[in-house]
Amino acid sequence: MTPRGHAIAFRIWQLCKPLAWDCTLAEVAEAVDEPVATVRAVIKLKNWGGRLRTTKAHYRGAGGNSYAASADNALDGYSNREAMALMTGAIR
């Protein structure tokens, strides 16, 4: 890696470490004032690929995707109970 790449890597680390890497590639690129492709390349060279989050925070609920969680709860609450009741003979 070039000295410039090391400098960019340090700036990325300096930004992301206090945030527990809870930022997207686009947010990092904007904050360090570098193109997304440059930040992506540095992150790849440093093997930091799995550290950044992939979605914006407002798309996530407290424990993940709130839409998916509510859909899972709805499916669990209706179809699974109904299927189990049919299998056990509770509904005829």
N, C-alpha and C. Protein backbone atom coordinates (compact mmCIF):
# COMPACT_ATOMS: atom_id res chain seq x y z
N MET A 1 0.86 -1.17 0.00
CA MET A 1 0.00 0.00 0.00
C MET A 1 0.90 1.24 0.00
N THR A 2 0.47 2.24 -0.69
CA THR A 2 1.24 3.48 -0.79
C THR A 2 1.12 4.29 0.51
N PRO A 3 2.00 5.25 0.71
CA PRO A 3 1.85 6.13 1.88
C PRO A 3 0.49 6.84 1.89
N ARG A 4 0.01 7.23 0.72
CA ARG A 4 -1.31 7.87 0.65
C ARG A 4 -2.40 6.89 1.12
N GLY A 5 -2.29 5.64 0.69
CA GLY A 5 -3.25 4.62 1.12
C GLY A 5 -3.22 4.40 2.62
N HIS A 6 -2.02 4.40 3.20
CA HIS A 6 -1.90 4.26 4.66
C HIS A 6 -2.52 5.46 5.37
N ALA A 7 -2.33 6.63 4.81
CA ALA A 7 -2.92 7.84 5.41
C ALA A 7 -4.44 7.78 5.37
N ILE A 8 -4.98 7.33 4.25
CA ILE A 8 -6.44 7.19 4.14
C ILE A 8 -6.94 6.12 5.10
N ALA A 9 -6.19 5.02 5.20
CA ALA A 9 -6.58 3.94 6.13
C ALA A 9 -6.62 4.46 7.57
N PHE A 10 -5.64 5.26 7.94
CA PHE A 10 -5.63 5.82 9.29
C PHE A 10 -6.83 6.72 9.50
N ARG A 11 -7.16 7.54 8.53
CA ARG A 11 -8.32 8.43 8.65
C ARG A 11 -9.62 7.63 8.76
N ILE A 12 -9.71 6.53 8.00
CA ILE A 12 -10.90 5.66 8.09
C ILE A 12 -10.98 5.06 9.49
N TRP A 13 -9.87 4.51 9.95
CA TRP A 13 -9.84 3.89 11.29
C TRP A 13 -10.17 4.92 12.37
N GLN A 14 -9.58 6.12 12.24
CA GLN A 14 -9.78 7.19 13.21
C GLN A 14 -11.25 7.59 13.29
N LEU A 15 -11.94 7.56 12.17
CA LEU A 15 -13.36 7.89 12.13
C LEU A 15 -14.22 6.75 12.67
N CYS A 16 -13.94 5.55 12.22
CA CYS A 16 -14.83 4.42 12.49
C CYS A 16 -14.65 3.76 13.85
N LYS A 17 -13.46 3.73 14.36
CA LYS A 17 -13.19 3.06 15.64
C LYS A 17 -14.07 3.58 16.77
N PRO A 18 -14.15 4.90 17.01
CA PRO A 18 -15.01 5.39 18.09
C PRO A 18 -16.50 5.12 17.85
N LEU A 19 -16.86 4.91 16.60
CA LEU A 19 -18.26 4.64 16.26
C LEU A 19 -18.56 3.15 16.24
N ALA A 20 -17.60 2.33 16.65
CA ALA A 20 -17.72 0.87 16.62
C ALA A 20 -18.02 0.38 15.20
N TRP A 21 -17.48 1.09 14.22
CA TRP A 21 -17.63 0.75 12.80
C TRP A 21 -19.09 0.77 12.36
N ASP A 22 -19.94 1.49 13.08
CA ASP A 22 -21.37 1.58 12.74
C ASP A 22 -21.60 2.70 11.74
N CYS A 23 -21.07 2.53 10.53
CA CYS A 23 -21.25 3.51 9.46
C CYS A 23 -21.14 2.78 8.12
N THR A 24 -21.70 3.39 7.10
CA THR A 24 -21.68 2.77 5.78
C THR A 24 -20.46 3.24 5.00
N LEU A 25 -20.18 2.55 3.91
CA LEU A 25 -19.08 2.93 3.03
C LEU A 25 -19.25 4.36 2.52
N ALA A 26 -20.46 4.70 2.11
CA ALA A 26 -20.73 6.04 1.60
C ALA A 26 -20.52 7.10 2.68
N GLU A 27 -20.93 6.82 3.91
CA GLU A 27 -20.74 7.77 5.00
C GLU A 27 -19.26 7.99 5.30
N VAL A 28 -18.49 6.90 5.26
CA VAL A 28 -17.05 7.01 5.50
C VAL A 28 -16.39 7.83 4.40
N ALA A 29 -16.73 7.51 3.15
CA ALA A 29 -16.14 8.23 2.01
C ALA A 29 -16.44 9.73 2.10
N GLU A 30 -17.66 10.06 2.47
CA GLU A 30 -18.02 11.48 2.60
C GLU A 30 -17.25 12.13 3.75
N ALA A 31 -17.12 11.43 4.87
CA ALA A 31 -16.46 12.01 6.03
C ALA A 31 -14.96 12.22 5.82
N VAL A 32 -14.32 11.30 5.10
CA VAL A 32 -12.87 11.46 4.86
C VAL A 32 -12.58 12.18 3.56
N ASP A 33 -13.63 12.58 2.87
CA ASP A 33 -13.53 13.36 1.63
C ASP A 33 -12.68 12.64 0.56
N GLU A 34 -13.03 11.37 0.37
CA GLU A 34 -12.38 10.54 -0.65
C GLU A 34 -13.48 9.85 -1.46
N PRO A 35 -13.19 9.49 -2.70
CA PRO A 35 -14.19 8.76 -3.49
C PRO A 35 -14.52 7.40 -2.87
N VAL A 36 -15.74 6.95 -3.06
CA VAL A 36 -16.17 5.66 -2.52
C VAL A 36 -15.25 4.54 -3.00
N ALA A 37 -14.86 4.59 -4.26
CA ALA A 37 -13.99 3.53 -4.81
C ALA A 37 -12.65 3.49 -4.08
N THR A 38 -12.10 4.63 -3.73
CA THR A 38 -10.83 4.68 -3.00
C THR A 38 -10.99 4.09 -1.61
N VAL A 39 -12.05 4.49 -0.91
CA VAL A 39 -12.30 3.97 0.43
C VAL A 39 -12.55 2.47 0.37
N ARG A 40 -13.31 2.02 -0.61
CA ARG A 40 -13.57 0.59 -0.77
C ARG A 40 -12.26 -0.17 -0.97
N ALA A 41 -11.37 0.36 -1.80
CA ALA A 41 -10.09 -0.31 -2.08
C ALA A 41 -9.23 -0.38 -0.82
N VAL A 42 -9.17 0.69 -0.07
CA VAL A 42 -8.37 0.70 1.16
C VAL A 42 -8.94 -0.28 2.17
N ILE A 43 -10.25 -0.29 2.32
CA ILE A 43 -10.90 -1.22 3.25
C ILE A 43 -10.62 -2.67 2.84
N LYS A 44 -10.64 -2.93 1.55
CA LYS A 44 -10.35 -4.28 1.07
C LYS A 44 -8.89 -4.65 1.36
N LEU A 45 -7.96 -3.73 1.10
CA LEU A 45 -6.55 -4.01 1.36
C LEU A 45 -6.26 -4.22 2.84
N LYS A 46 -6.99 -3.56 3.69
CA LYS A 46 -6.79 -3.69 5.14
C LYS A 46 -7.62 -4.84 5.74
N ASN A 47 -8.39 -5.53 4.90
CA ASN A 47 -9.26 -6.63 5.36
C ASN A 47 -10.28 -6.17 6.41
N TRP A 48 -10.83 -4.98 6.19
CA TRP A 48 -11.84 -4.42 7.08
C TRP A 48 -13.24 -4.58 6.50
N GLY A 49 -13.41 -5.42 5.51
CA GLY A 49 -14.66 -5.53 4.77
C GLY A 49 -15.89 -5.82 5.60
N GLY A 50 -15.79 -6.66 6.61
CA GLY A 50 -16.95 -7.02 7.39
C GLY A 50 -17.27 -6.08 8.53
N ARG A 51 -16.48 -5.04 8.68
CA ARG A 51 -16.67 -4.16 9.84
C ARG A 51 -17.75 -3.11 9.63
N LEU A 52 -17.88 -2.60 8.42
CA LEU A 52 -18.85 -1.54 8.16
C LEU A 52 -20.26 -2.11 8.05
N ARG A 53 -21.24 -1.31 8.43
CA ARG A 53 -22.62 -1.77 8.24
C ARG A 53 -23.01 -1.52 6.79
N THR A 54 -23.98 -2.28 6.34
CA THR A 54 -24.32 -2.22 4.92
C THR A 54 -25.54 -1.37 4.62
N THR A 55 -26.33 -1.03 5.63
CA THR A 55 -27.53 -0.23 5.39
C THR A 55 -27.50 1.03 6.23
N LYS A 56 -28.34 1.96 5.88
CA LYS A 56 -28.46 3.18 6.68
C LYS A 56 -29.21 2.86 7.96
N ALA A 57 -28.91 3.58 9.00
CA ALA A 57 -29.49 3.32 10.32
C ALA A 57 -31.01 3.43 10.32
N HIS A 58 -31.60 4.34 9.54
CA HIS A 58 -33.04 4.51 9.60
C HIS A 58 -33.80 3.35 8.95
N TYR A 59 -33.10 2.44 8.27
CA TYR A 59 -33.74 1.26 7.73
C TYR A 59 -33.76 0.11 8.72
N ARG A 60 -33.03 0.28 9.83
CA ARG A 60 -32.92 -0.79 10.80
C ARG A 60 -33.72 -0.45 12.04
N GLY A 61 -34.32 -1.45 12.64
CA GLY A 61 -34.99 -1.28 13.91
C GLY A 61 -34.00 -1.55 15.03
N ALA A 62 -34.50 -1.69 16.23
CA ALA A 62 -33.61 -1.89 17.37
C ALA A 62 -32.83 -3.20 17.26
N GLY A 63 -33.48 -4.24 16.76
CA GLY A 63 -32.80 -5.53 16.68
C GLY A 63 -32.63 -5.99 15.26
N GLY A 64 -32.62 -5.12 14.32
CA GLY A 64 -32.51 -5.51 12.92
C GLY A 64 -33.60 -4.84 12.11
N ASN A 65 -33.97 -5.45 11.04
CA ASN A 65 -34.99 -4.89 10.16
C ASN A 65 -36.35 -5.03 10.82
N SER A 66 -36.96 -3.93 11.23
CA SER A 66 -38.23 -3.99 11.96
C SER A 66 -39.37 -4.51 11.08
N TYR A 67 -39.32 -4.25 9.78
CA TYR A 67 -40.36 -4.78 8.89
C TYR A 67 -40.29 -6.30 8.86
N ALA A 68 -39.09 -6.84 8.72
CA ALA A 68 -38.93 -8.29 8.69
C ALA A 68 -39.35 -8.91 10.01
N ALA A 69 -39.00 -8.26 11.11
CA ALA A 69 -39.38 -8.77 12.43
C ALA A 69 -40.89 -8.79 12.59
N SER A 70 -41.57 -7.73 12.16
CA SER A 70 -43.02 -7.71 12.30
C SER A 70 -43.68 -8.73 11.38
N ALA A 71 -43.11 -8.92 10.18
CA ALA A 71 -43.64 -9.94 9.28
C ALA A 71 -43.45 -11.33 9.87
N ASP A 72 -42.27 -11.58 10.46
CA ASP A 72 -42.03 -12.87 11.10
C ASP A 72 -43.01 -13.11 12.24
N ASN A 73 -43.24 -12.07 13.04
CA ASN A 73 -44.19 -12.20 14.16
C ASN A 73 -45.59 -12.49 13.65
N ALA A 74 -45.98 -11.82 12.59
CA ALA A 74 -47.32 -12.05 12.03
C ALA A 74 -47.44 -13.46 11.50
N LEU A 75 -46.44 -13.92 10.79
CA LEU A 75 -46.48 -15.29 10.26
C LEU A 75 -46.44 -16.31 11.38
N ASP A 76 -45.61 -16.06 12.37
CA ASP A 76 -45.51 -16.97 13.50
C ASP A 76 -46.82 -17.01 14.28
N GLY A 77 -47.41 -15.84 14.42
CA GLY A 77 -48.64 -15.76 15.21
C GLY A 77 -49.84 -16.38 14.54
N TYR A 78 -49.86 -16.45 13.20
CA TYR A 78 -51.03 -16.94 12.51
C TYR A 78 -50.80 -18.30 11.85
N SER A 79 -49.95 -18.35 10.89
CA SER A 79 -49.84 -19.57 10.09
C SER A 79 -49.28 -20.74 10.88
N ASN A 80 -48.30 -20.52 11.75
CA ASN A 80 -47.73 -21.64 12.49
C ASN A 80 -48.71 -22.21 13.49
N ARG A 81 -49.42 -21.35 14.20
CA ARG A 81 -50.41 -21.83 15.17
C ARG A 81 -51.53 -22.59 14.46
N GLU A 82 -51.97 -22.04 13.36
CA GLU A 82 -53.03 -22.68 12.60
C GLU A 82 -52.60 -24.04 12.07
N ALA A 83 -51.38 -24.09 11.53
CA ALA A 83 -50.86 -25.35 11.01
C ALA A 83 -50.71 -26.38 12.12
N MET A 84 -50.21 -25.97 13.27
CA MET A 84 -50.04 -26.89 14.39
C MET A 84 -51.40 -27.37 14.89
N ALA A 85 -52.37 -26.47 14.93
CA ALA A 85 -53.70 -26.87 15.38
C ALA A 85 -54.30 -27.88 14.42
N LEU A 86 -54.12 -27.68 13.12
CA LEU A 86 -54.61 -28.65 12.14
C LEU A 86 -53.91 -29.99 12.29
N MET A 87 -52.61 -29.97 12.51
CA MET A 87 -51.85 -31.22 12.64
C MET A 87 -52.21 -31.98 13.90
N THR A 88 -52.49 -31.27 14.98
CA THR A 88 -52.81 -31.94 16.25
C THR A 88 -54.29 -32.29 16.37
N GLY A 89 -55.07 -31.84 15.42
CA GLY A 89 -56.48 -32.17 15.45
C GLY A 89 -57.33 -31.20 16.24
N ALA A 90 -56.75 -30.09 16.67
CA ALA A 90 -57.52 -29.12 17.44
C ALA A 90 -58.54 -28.39 16.56
N ILE A 91 -58.25 -28.28 15.27
CA ILE A 91 -59.19 -27.67 14.32
C ILE A 91 -59.60 -28.75 13.33
N ARG A 92 -60.90 -28.85 13.12
CA ARG A 92 -61.38 -29.86 12.17
C ARG A 92 -62.17 -29.25 11.09
